[in-house]
Amino acid sequence: MLSPVTITKQSPFLGEECALCKNPLAPGDEVVVCPEDSTRHHAHCWRANGNKCASYGCRGHGEIAVPESTPPEPSPAQPPPTSSHQPPATNTNGRIHRTAHRFGCGQGCLLVAIAIAIIFFSIGCFGLWAIADYIMLEVLGWQYRVPETSYILPQITRLLFF
């Protein structure tokens, strides 16, 4: 049985993210610490995930202990404590719908693949232009531009050899 911890304003867990819903832990939240890898979960997130850890590959699990004394009901003059986050939404299958809040491995790999594709595309376009330029100038004899070597090459050879 796991004991939930209530977050206070002095709690070291304050502001950390829940491993499941990725919302920050706020004062008044009940938090469960995974017995295997010590990741923190909201108590309702732990229950919604089948009483097990949401970290990939972690096998931590356990039922949450029910406190022996129930907290007193808030008086009508006091509003009930509110939390700064929403519980995770569930779809029709009862599974948790998680939203990504961070730049993950998949997004990083996608950006690298796009950058490589752009580089290969640029090299390919230059190669196609060079082939077309060679065919028009040398094979077909179309002088659509002035060859650059007619002016630059004599200048370079004069500087190097004279």
C-alpha atoms as a PDB file:
ATOM      1  CA  MET A   1       0.000   0.000   0.000  1.00  0.00           C
ATOM      2  CA  LEU A   2       1.273   3.439  -0.978  1.00  0.00           C
ATOM      3  CA  SER A   3       0.653   6.493   1.158  1.00  0.00           C
ATOM      4  CA  PRO A   4      -0.225   9.686  -0.690  1.00  0.00           C
ATOM      5  CA  VAL A   5       1.590  12.870   0.299  1.00  0.00           C
ATOM      6  CA  THR A   6      -0.225  16.202   0.377  1.00  0.00           C
ATOM      7  CA  ILE A   7       1.749  19.005  -1.255  1.00  0.00           C
ATOM      8  CA  THR A   8       2.291  22.106   0.867  1.00  0.00           C
ATOM      9  CA  LYS A   9       3.824  25.468   0.025  1.00  0.00           C
ATOM     10  CA  GLN A  10       7.141  24.232   1.481  1.00  0.00           C
ATOM     11  CA  SER A  11       7.095  20.841  -0.256  1.00  0.00           C
ATOM     12  CA  PRO A  12      10.175  19.886  -2.290  1.00  0.00           C
ATOM     13  CA  PHE A  13       7.819  18.448  -4.938  1.00  0.00           C
ATOM     14  CA  LEU A  14       6.101  21.818  -5.470  1.00  0.00           C
ATOM     15  CA  GLY A  15       6.216  22.810  -9.151  1.00  0.00           C
ATOM     16  CA  GLU A  16       7.459  19.428 -10.391  1.00  0.00           C
ATOM     17  CA  GLU A  17       5.413  17.740 -13.121  1.00  0.00           C
ATOM     18  CA  CYS A  18       3.170  14.732 -12.687  1.00  0.00           C
ATOM     19  CA  ALA A  19       4.607  11.803 -14.652  1.00  0.00           C
ATOM     20  CA  LEU A  20       1.252  11.133 -16.316  1.00  0.00           C
ATOM     21  CA  CYS A  21      -0.588  14.394 -16.975  1.00  0.00           C
ATOM     22  CA  LYS A  22       2.540  16.633 -17.033  1.00  0.00           C
ATOM     23  CA  ASN A  23       0.762  19.311 -14.983  1.00  0.00           C
ATOM     24  CA  PRO A  24       2.714  20.909 -12.120  1.00  0.00           C
ATOM     25  CA  LEU A  25       2.187  19.692  -8.576  1.00  0.00           C
ATOM     26  CA  ALA A  26       0.411  22.420  -6.609  1.00  0.00           C
ATOM     27  CA  PRO A  27      -0.299  22.991  -2.901  1.00  0.00           C
ATOM     28  CA  GLY A  28      -3.195  20.815  -1.764  1.00  0.00           C
ATOM     29  CA  ASP A  29      -2.580  18.075  -4.353  1.00  0.00           C
ATOM     30  CA  GLU A  30      -2.266  14.487  -3.174  1.00  0.00           C
ATOM     31  CA  VAL A  31       0.853  12.930  -4.680  1.00  0.00           C
ATOM     32  CA  VAL A  32       1.973   9.311  -4.926  1.00  0.00           C
ATOM     33  CA  VAL A  33       5.708   8.564  -5.216  1.00  0.00           C
ATOM     34  CA  CYS A  34       6.522   5.485  -7.308  1.00  0.00           C
ATOM     35  CA  PRO A  35       8.296   2.866  -5.161  1.00  0.00           C
ATOM     36  CA  GLU A  36      10.566   1.833  -8.075  1.00  0.00           C
ATOM     37  CA  ASP A  37      11.864   5.049  -9.662  1.00  0.00           C
ATOM     38  CA  SER A  38      10.511   7.781  -7.313  1.00  0.00           C
ATOM     39  CA  THR A  39       8.573   9.636  -9.994  1.00  0.00           C
ATOM     40  CA  ARG A  40       5.706  11.725  -8.693  1.00  0.00           C
ATOM     41  CA  HIS A  41       2.074  11.312  -9.796  1.00  0.00           C
ATOM     42  CA  HIS A  42      -1.158  12.955  -8.730  1.00  0.00           C
ATOM     43  CA  ALA A  43      -3.132  10.393  -6.739  1.00  0.00           C
ATOM     44  CA  HIS A  44      -5.976  10.486  -9.275  1.00  0.00           C
ATOM     45  CA  CYS A  45      -3.475  10.054 -12.136  1.00  0.00           C
ATOM     46  CA  TRP A  46      -1.942   7.022 -10.373  1.00  0.00           C
ATOM     47  CA  ARG A  47      -5.408   5.472 -10.008  1.00  0.00           C
ATOM     48  CA  ALA A  48      -6.382   6.366 -13.593  1.00  0.00           C
ATOM     49  CA  ASN A  49      -3.242   4.603 -14.853  1.00  0.00           C
ATOM     50  CA  GLY A  50      -4.244   1.347 -13.178  1.00  0.00           C
ATOM     51  CA  ASN A  51      -2.340   1.959  -9.904  1.00  0.00           C
ATOM     52  CA  LYS A  52       1.014   1.799 -11.672  1.00  0.00           C
ATOM     53  CA  CYS A  53       3.817   4.136 -12.696  1.00  0.00           C
ATOM     54  CA  ALA A  54       3.469   6.096 -15.927  1.00  0.00           C
ATOM     55  CA  SER A  55       7.217   6.191 -16.664  1.00  0.00           C
ATOM     56  CA  TYR A  56       8.209   4.121 -19.685  1.00  0.00           C
ATOM     57  CA  GLY A  57       9.680   0.788 -18.632  1.00  0.00           C
ATOM     58  CA  CYS A  58       9.001   1.239 -14.911  1.00  0.00           C
ATOM     59  CA  ARG A  59       7.246  -1.654 -13.182  1.00  0.00           C
ATOM     60  CA  GLY A  60       6.314   0.260 -10.052  1.00  0.00           C
ATOM     61  CA  HIS A  61       2.757  -0.365  -8.883  1.00  0.00           C
ATOM     62  CA  GLY A  62       0.606  -0.459  -5.781  1.00  0.00           C
ATOM     63  CA  GLU A  63      -2.738   0.468  -4.340  1.00  0.00           C
ATOM     64  CA  ILE A  64      -3.084   3.815  -2.610  1.00  0.00           C
ATOM     65  CA  ALA A  65      -3.786   3.481   1.096  1.00  0.00           C
ATOM     66  CA  VAL A  66      -7.021   5.056   2.236  1.00  0.00           C
ATOM     67  CA  PRO A  67      -6.387   7.415   5.153  1.00  0.00           C
ATOM     68  CA  GLU A  68      -7.906   6.206   8.448  1.00  0.00           C
ATOM     69  CA  SER A  69      -9.364   9.574   9.337  1.00  0.00           C
ATOM     70  CA  THR A  70     -11.217  11.479   6.666  1.00  0.00           C
ATOM     71  CA  PRO A  71     -10.607  15.217   6.492  1.00  0.00           C
ATOM     72  CA  PRO A  72     -13.402  17.393   7.860  1.00  0.00           C
ATOM     73  CA  GLU A  73     -15.932  18.735   5.407  1.00  0.00           C
ATOM     74  CA  PRO A  74     -15.301  22.385   4.506  1.00  0.00           C
ATOM     75  CA  SER A  75     -17.711  24.779   6.118  1.00  0.00           C
ATOM     76  CA  PRO A  76     -20.079  26.692   3.840  1.00  0.00           C
ATOM     77  CA  ALA A  77     -18.127  29.870   4.562  1.00  0.00           C
ATOM     78  CA  GLN A  78     -14.919  28.301   3.232  1.00  0.00           C
ATOM     79  CA  PRO A  79     -14.666  27.495  -0.468  1.00  0.00           C
ATOM     80  CA  PRO A  80     -13.235  24.043  -1.239  1.00  0.00           C
ATOM     81  CA  PRO A  81      -9.520  23.983  -2.088  1.00  0.00           C
ATOM     82  CA  THR A  82      -8.844  24.222  -5.787  1.00  0.00           C
ATOM     83  CA  SER A  83      -6.077  22.717  -7.810  1.00  0.00           C
ATOM     84  CA  SER A  84      -4.179  24.442 -10.593  1.00  0.00           C
ATOM     85  CA  HIS A  85      -4.617  21.580 -13.008  1.00  0.00           C
ATOM     86  CA  GLN A  86      -7.294  19.487 -14.609  1.00  0.00           C
ATOM     87  CA  PRO A  87      -7.393  15.704 -14.175  1.00  0.00           C
ATOM     88  CA  PRO A  88      -6.389  13.836 -17.316  1.00  0.00           C
ATOM     89  CA  ALA A  89      -9.177  13.382 -19.837  1.00  0.00           C
ATOM     90  CA  THR A  90     -10.223   9.856 -20.669  1.00  0.00           C
ATOM     91  CA  ASN A  91     -11.548   8.680 -24.007  1.00  0.00           C
ATOM     92  CA  THR A  92     -14.380   6.194 -24.551  1.00  0.00           C
ATOM     93  CA  ASN A  93     -12.041   3.223 -23.999  1.00  0.00           C
ATOM     94  CA  GLY A  94     -11.167   4.460 -20.514  1.00  0.00           C
ATOM     95  CA  ARG A  95      -7.590   5.233 -21.525  1.00  0.00           C
ATOM     96  CA  ILE A  96      -5.830   8.378 -20.479  1.00  0.00           C
ATOM     97  CA  HIS A  97      -5.436  11.039 -23.153  1.00  0.00           C
ATOM     98  CA  ARG A  98      -2.026  12.613 -22.684  1.00  0.00           C
ATOM     99  CA  THR A  99      -0.996  15.845 -24.300  1.00  0.00           C
ATOM    100  CA  ALA A 100       2.645  16.471 -25.074  1.00  0.00           C
ATOM    101  CA  HIS A 101       4.071  19.545 -23.412  1.00  0.00           C
ATOM    102  CA  ARG A 102       7.724  18.993 -24.167  1.00  0.00           C
ATOM    103  CA  PHE A 103       9.926  18.631 -27.182  1.00  0.00           C
ATOM    104  CA  GLY A 104      10.430  14.874 -27.305  1.00  0.00           C
ATOM    105  CA  CYS A 105      12.628  12.436 -29.146  1.00  0.00           C
ATOM    106  CA  GLY A 106      10.103  11.956 -31.944  1.00  0.00           C
ATOM    107  CA  GLN A 107       9.945  15.664 -32.707  1.00  0.00           C
ATOM    108  CA  GLY A 108      13.746  15.953 -32.596  1.00  0.00           C
ATOM    109  CA  CYS A 109      14.190  13.039 -34.997  1.00  0.00           C
ATOM    110  CA  LEU A 110      11.591  14.541 -37.315  1.00  0.00           C
ATOM    111  CA  LEU A 111      13.405  17.894 -37.405  1.00  0.00           C
ATOM    112  CA  VAL A 112      16.740  16.207 -38.112  1.00  0.00           C
ATOM    113  CA  ALA A 113      15.151  14.174 -40.929  1.00  0.00           C
ATOM    114  CA  ILE A 114      13.637  17.334 -42.444  1.00  0.00           C
ATOM    115  CA  ALA A 115      16.987  19.151 -42.248  1.00  0.00           C
ATOM    116  CA  ILE A 116      18.770  16.247 -43.956  1.00  0.00           C
ATOM    117  CA  ALA A 117      16.072  16.117 -46.644  1.00  0.00           C
ATOM    118  CA  ILE A 118      16.500  19.852 -47.302  1.00  0.00           C
ATOM    119  CA  ILE A 119      20.284  19.435 -47.598  1.00  0.00           C
ATOM    120  CA  PHE A 120      19.955  16.495 -50.004  1.00  0.00           C
ATOM    121  CA  PHE A 121      17.326  18.391 -52.004  1.00  0.00           C
ATOM    122  CA  SER A 122      19.644  21.400 -52.297  1.00  0.00           C
ATOM    123  CA  ILE A 123      22.569  19.240 -53.388  1.00  0.00           C
ATOM    124  CA  GLY A 124      20.328  17.438 -55.851  1.00  0.00           C
ATOM    125  CA  CYS A 125      19.058  20.693 -57.346  1.00  0.00           C
ATOM    126  CA  PHE A 126      22.608  21.980 -57.752  1.00  0.00           C
ATOM    127  CA  GLY A 127      23.578  18.690 -59.397  1.00  0.00           C
ATOM    128  CA  LEU A 128      20.652  18.900 -61.815  1.00  0.00           C
ATOM    129  CA  TRP A 129      21.545  22.497 -62.649  1.00  0.00           C
ATOM    130  CA  ALA A 130      25.181  21.533 -63.269  1.00  0.00           C
ATOM    131  CA  ILE A 131      24.137  18.660 -65.561  1.00  0.00           C
ATOM    132  CA  ALA A 132      21.713  20.875 -67.490  1.00  0.00           C
ATOM    133  CA  ASP A 133      24.374  23.597 -67.783  1.00  0.00           C
ATOM    134  CA  TYR A 134      26.917  21.093 -69.153  1.00  0.00           C
ATOM    135  CA  ILE A 135      24.441  19.667 -71.683  1.00  0.00           C
ATOM    136  CA  MET A 136      23.392  23.109 -72.959  1.00  0.00           C
ATOM    137  CA  LEU A 137      26.907  24.506 -73.220  1.00  0.00           C
ATOM    138  CA  GLU A 138      28.995  21.496 -74.268  1.00  0.00           C
ATOM    139  CA  VAL A 139      26.661  18.999 -75.929  1.00  0.00           C
ATOM    140  CA  LEU A 140      24.097  21.218 -77.615  1.00  0.00           C
ATOM    141  CA  GLY A 141      26.387  24.218 -78.078  1.00  0.00           C
ATOM    142  CA  TRP A 142      23.849  26.716 -76.809  1.00  0.00           C
ATOM    143  CA  GLN A 143      25.732  29.715 -75.512  1.00  0.00           C
ATOM    144  CA  TYR A 144      23.006  30.959 -73.176  1.00  0.00           C
ATOM    145  CA  ARG A 145      25.604  32.563 -70.878  1.00  0.00           C
ATOM    146  CA  VAL A 146      29.158  33.709 -71.153  1.00  0.00           C
ATOM    147  CA  PRO A 147      31.487  30.980 -69.866  1.00  0.00           C
ATOM    148  CA  GLU A 148      33.100  32.175 -66.659  1.00  0.00           C
ATOM    149  CA  THR A 149      36.465  30.557 -67.373  1.00  0.00           C
ATOM    150  CA  SER A 150      37.136  32.802 -70.403  1.00  0.00           C
ATOM    151  CA  TYR A 151      37.851  35.787 -68.174  1.00  0.00           C
ATOM    152  CA  ILE A 152      38.863  34.302 -64.815  1.00  0.00           C
ATOM    153  CA  LEU A 153      41.258  31.547 -65.917  1.00  0.00           C
ATOM    154  CA  PRO A 154      43.710  33.856 -67.770  1.00  0.00           C
ATOM    155  CA  GLN A 155      43.683  36.224 -64.808  1.00  0.00           C
ATOM    156  CA  ILE A 156      44.529  33.404 -62.382  1.00  0.00           C
ATOM    157  CA  THR A 157      47.266  31.897 -64.561  1.00  0.00           C
ATOM    158  CA  ARG A 158      48.866  35.308 -65.021  1.00  0.00           C
ATOM    159  CA  LEU A 159      48.951  35.835 -61.252  1.00  0.00           C
ATOM    160  CA  LEU A 160      50.335  32.376 -60.541  1.00  0.00           C
ATOM    161  CA  PHE A 161      52.959  31.966 -63.240  1.00  0.00           C
ATOM    162  CA  PHE A 162      54.169  35.452 -64.161  1.00  0.00           C
END
